[in-house]
Amino acid sequence: MSDSIWFRTAEATVFASDGQGTDAMPEILIGNVKGPAGHAFANLMGQTEGHTRMFAIRACNQQVKPATIIVPKVTMKSSAYINLFGGPVQSAIADAVLDSVIAGVIPADQANDLCIIAMIWIAPECATNPDLDRKDLYRTNYEAMKLAISRAMNNSPSIEELIANRTKITHEMYDPETGESQW
């Protein structure tokens, strides 16, 4: 068996098709079920009003491995929002996890020893958009989750990259020169 993976984190952003608002921004933690990630995973098993947590499943009776729990970043206030979270988004996250095992990014020999916590964003307006492209919502979440998993497993970005980019890159939601959002 490979070395244990105790605590790896990452995030990724994949932007929506024009006019969709289906940007995906998962933030994840991957680690051994016997370590701090497993402890955090178990603590998330309880429900909190408006923040329903779900296992990532590919279909009924097909929970993905490593065990993955998806946690909404936004309070769920409608059944339409819950249907997006438990439909295309849950499916995308599960498929990305399994495809990461198939591709060897997550070691298959550790699939039962690891767990993943995925904090997931769905823009609240998606739930009320009659023209929402659910395929784009799936696409962005699938691509972002695969990218986040790859980054976590490869410890990316490296500290060297972060240091090199310290004065070259600014946060998209804050411009330190003006104090304003760049979006």
Protein backbone atom coordinates (compact mmCIF):
# COMPACT_ATOMS: atom_id res chain seq x y z
CA MET A 1 0.00 0.00 0.00
CA SER A 2 1.18 3.54 -0.76
CA ASP A 3 1.99 6.13 1.88
CA SER A 4 -1.01 7.38 3.81
CA ILE A 5 -2.63 10.62 2.74
CA TRP A 6 -3.55 12.53 5.89
CA PHE A 7 -4.64 16.05 5.02
CA ARG A 8 -4.65 17.53 1.52
CA THR A 9 -6.64 20.56 0.48
CA ALA A 10 -7.37 22.36 -2.77
CA GLU A 11 -9.83 24.52 -4.62
CA ALA A 12 -10.66 25.14 -8.24
CA THR A 13 -12.90 27.43 -10.23
CA VAL A 14 -14.46 26.61 -13.59
CA PHE A 15 -16.55 29.29 -15.22
CA ALA A 16 -19.99 28.83 -16.71
CA SER A 17 -21.01 29.16 -20.31
CA ASP A 18 -22.13 32.70 -21.17
CA GLY A 19 -25.17 33.86 -19.25
CA GLN A 20 -25.56 30.76 -17.10
CA GLY A 21 -24.22 31.68 -13.67
CA THR A 22 -23.25 28.04 -13.17
CA ASP A 23 -19.68 28.74 -12.07
CA ALA A 24 -18.28 25.95 -9.90
CA MET A 25 -15.89 26.56 -7.00
CA PRO A 26 -15.36 23.43 -4.89
CA GLU A 27 -13.05 23.57 -1.91
CA ILE A 28 -11.98 20.12 -0.80
CA LEU A 29 -10.21 18.16 1.90
CA ILE A 30 -8.89 14.66 1.20
CA GLY A 31 -7.43 12.46 3.90
CA ASN A 32 -7.35 9.14 5.69
CA VAL A 33 -10.51 8.15 7.53
CA LYS A 34 -8.38 7.46 10.64
CA GLY A 35 -6.95 10.99 10.73
CA PRO A 36 -8.19 14.56 11.04
CA ALA A 37 -10.01 14.44 7.69
CA GLY A 38 -11.94 11.38 8.82
CA HIS A 39 -12.79 13.08 12.11
CA ALA A 40 -14.08 16.16 10.26
CA PHE A 41 -16.01 13.93 7.85
CA ALA A 42 -17.76 12.13 10.72
CA ASN A 43 -18.61 15.44 12.39
CA LEU A 44 -20.35 16.60 9.21
CA MET A 45 -22.74 13.64 9.27
CA GLY A 46 -25.30 15.59 11.32
CA GLN A 47 -27.68 17.92 9.53
CA THR A 48 -27.99 21.67 9.96
CA GLU A 49 -31.11 23.46 8.79
CA GLY A 50 -30.53 24.90 5.35
CA HIS A 51 -27.20 23.12 4.92
CA THR A 52 -28.15 19.57 4.02
CA ARG A 53 -25.10 17.41 3.50
CA MET A 54 -25.17 14.48 1.11
CA PHE A 55 -22.91 11.64 0.16
CA ALA A 56 -21.76 11.78 -3.43
CA ILE A 57 -23.53 8.96 -5.21
CA ARG A 58 -23.43 8.02 -8.88
CA ALA A 59 -26.92 6.50 -8.70
CA CYS A 60 -29.09 4.87 -6.06
CA ASN A 61 -27.05 2.18 -4.31
CA GLN A 62 -23.83 3.47 -5.91
CA GLN A 63 -22.02 5.58 -3.30
CA VAL A 64 -18.70 6.70 -4.71
CA LYS A 65 -15.35 5.71 -3.18
CA PRO A 66 -13.50 7.34 -1.55
CA ALA A 67 -16.51 8.28 0.55
CA THR A 68 -17.31 11.87 -0.36
CA ILE A 69 -19.62 14.24 1.46
CA ILE A 70 -20.83 17.37 -0.28
CA VAL A 71 -21.60 20.41 1.83
CA PRO A 72 -23.35 23.48 0.42
CA LYS A 73 -21.68 26.86 0.83
CA VAL A 74 -25.05 28.60 0.50
CA THR A 75 -28.15 28.10 2.64
CA MET A 76 -30.62 25.98 0.70
CA LYS A 77 -33.98 27.70 0.88
CA SER A 78 -35.99 25.94 -1.81
CA SER A 79 -36.67 22.51 -3.17
CA ALA A 80 -35.48 23.77 -6.58
CA TYR A 81 -32.05 24.53 -5.07
CA ILE A 82 -31.96 21.17 -3.28
CA ASN A 83 -32.85 19.44 -6.57
CA LEU A 84 -29.86 21.07 -8.27
CA PHE A 85 -27.56 20.14 -5.37
CA GLY A 86 -28.83 16.54 -5.24
CA GLY A 87 -29.09 16.17 -9.02
CA PRO A 88 -26.55 17.49 -11.51
CA VAL A 89 -24.09 18.71 -8.88
CA GLN A 90 -24.10 15.53 -6.79
CA SER A 91 -23.75 13.48 -9.97
CA ALA A 92 -20.87 15.64 -11.24
CA ILE A 93 -18.97 15.42 -7.95
CA ALA A 94 -19.40 11.64 -7.77
CA ASP A 95 -18.32 11.14 -11.37
CA ALA A 96 -15.26 13.37 -10.86
CA VAL A 97 -14.20 11.39 -7.78
CA LEU A 98 -14.58 8.02 -9.51
CA ASP A 99 -12.87 9.23 -12.69
CA SER A 100 -9.99 10.50 -10.53
CA VAL A 101 -9.58 6.97 -9.15
CA ILE A 102 -9.80 5.48 -12.64
CA ALA A 103 -7.12 7.92 -13.86
CA GLY A 104 -4.84 7.04 -10.93
CA VAL A 105 -4.93 10.53 -9.42
CA ILE A 106 -6.43 8.99 -6.27
CA PRO A 107 -4.74 5.66 -5.52
CA ALA A 108 -7.29 2.86 -6.00
CA ASP A 109 -5.63 0.85 -3.23
CA GLN A 110 -6.60 3.64 -0.80
CA ALA A 111 -10.18 4.21 -2.00
CA ASN A 112 -11.64 2.63 1.15
CA ASP A 113 -9.17 4.37 3.47
CA LEU A 114 -9.73 7.93 2.26
CA CYS A 115 -12.58 10.38 2.51
CA ILE A 116 -13.31 13.67 0.79
CA ILE A 117 -15.15 16.70 2.07
CA ALA A 118 -16.30 18.93 -0.78
CA MET A 119 -17.75 22.35 -0.04
CA ILE A 120 -19.86 23.24 -3.08
CA TRP A 121 -21.15 26.54 -4.45
CA ILE A 122 -24.29 26.91 -6.52
CA ALA A 123 -25.33 30.49 -7.18
CA PRO A 124 -28.74 31.01 -5.52
CA GLU A 125 -30.21 32.48 -8.71
CA CYS A 126 -29.69 29.14 -10.48
CA ALA A 127 -32.68 27.72 -8.59
CA THR A 128 -35.04 30.34 -10.05
CA ASN A 129 -33.60 30.51 -13.57
CA PRO A 130 -36.12 28.85 -15.93
CA ASP A 131 -33.47 28.72 -18.66
CA LEU A 132 -30.77 27.12 -16.50
CA ASP A 133 -28.54 24.77 -18.46
CA ARG A 134 -28.29 21.79 -16.09
CA LYS A 135 -25.68 20.23 -18.39
CA ASP A 136 -23.48 23.29 -17.91
CA LEU A 137 -23.99 23.05 -14.14
CA TYR A 138 -22.84 19.41 -14.33
CA ARG A 139 -19.89 20.33 -16.58
CA THR A 140 -18.54 23.10 -14.40
CA ASN A 141 -18.81 21.06 -11.21
CA TYR A 142 -17.31 17.96 -12.80
CA GLU A 143 -14.34 19.85 -14.27
CA ALA A 144 -13.75 21.90 -11.10
CA MET A 145 -13.91 18.85 -8.82
CA LYS A 146 -11.47 16.89 -10.98
CA LEU A 147 -9.12 19.88 -10.99
CA ALA A 148 -9.41 20.34 -7.21
CA ILE A 149 -8.68 16.65 -6.62
CA SER A 150 -5.64 16.79 -8.89
CA ARG A 151 -4.37 19.90 -7.13
CA ALA A 152 -4.86 18.35 -3.69
CA MET A 153 -3.11 15.14 -4.64
CA ASN A 154 -0.20 17.06 -6.22
CA ASN A 155 0.09 19.70 -3.47
CA SER A 156 -0.61 22.41 -6.01
CA PRO A 157 -0.01 25.26 -6.08
CA SER A 158 3.44 24.85 -4.58
CA ILE A 159 4.73 27.37 -2.07
CA GLU A 160 7.30 28.42 -4.66
CA GLU A 161 4.53 29.22 -7.16
CA LEU A 162 2.59 31.17 -4.54
CA ILE A 163 5.67 33.21 -3.62
CA ALA A 164 6.51 33.87 -7.28
CA ASN A 165 2.96 35.09 -7.96
CA ARG A 166 2.53 37.11 -4.76
CA THR A 167 2.65 40.49 -6.49
CA LYS A 168 1.51 39.33 -9.94
CA ILE A 169 -1.92 37.95 -9.11
CA THR A 170 -4.79 39.59 -7.23
CA HIS A 171 -8.03 38.13 -5.92
CA GLU A 172 -10.83 38.42 -8.46
CA MET A 173 -13.25 39.68 -5.82
CA TYR A 174 -10.92 42.39 -4.47
CA ASP A 175 -8.53 44.84 -6.06
CA PRO A 176 -6.04 46.06 -3.42
CA GLU A 177 -5.33 49.20 -5.47
CA THR A 178 -8.95 50.40 -5.56
CA GLY A 179 -10.58 48.35 -2.79
CA GLU A 180 -13.28 47.30 -5.26
CA SER A 181 -14.41 44.02 -6.76
CA GLN A 182 -12.87 43.28 -10.13
CA TRP A 183 -16.06 41.55 -11.33
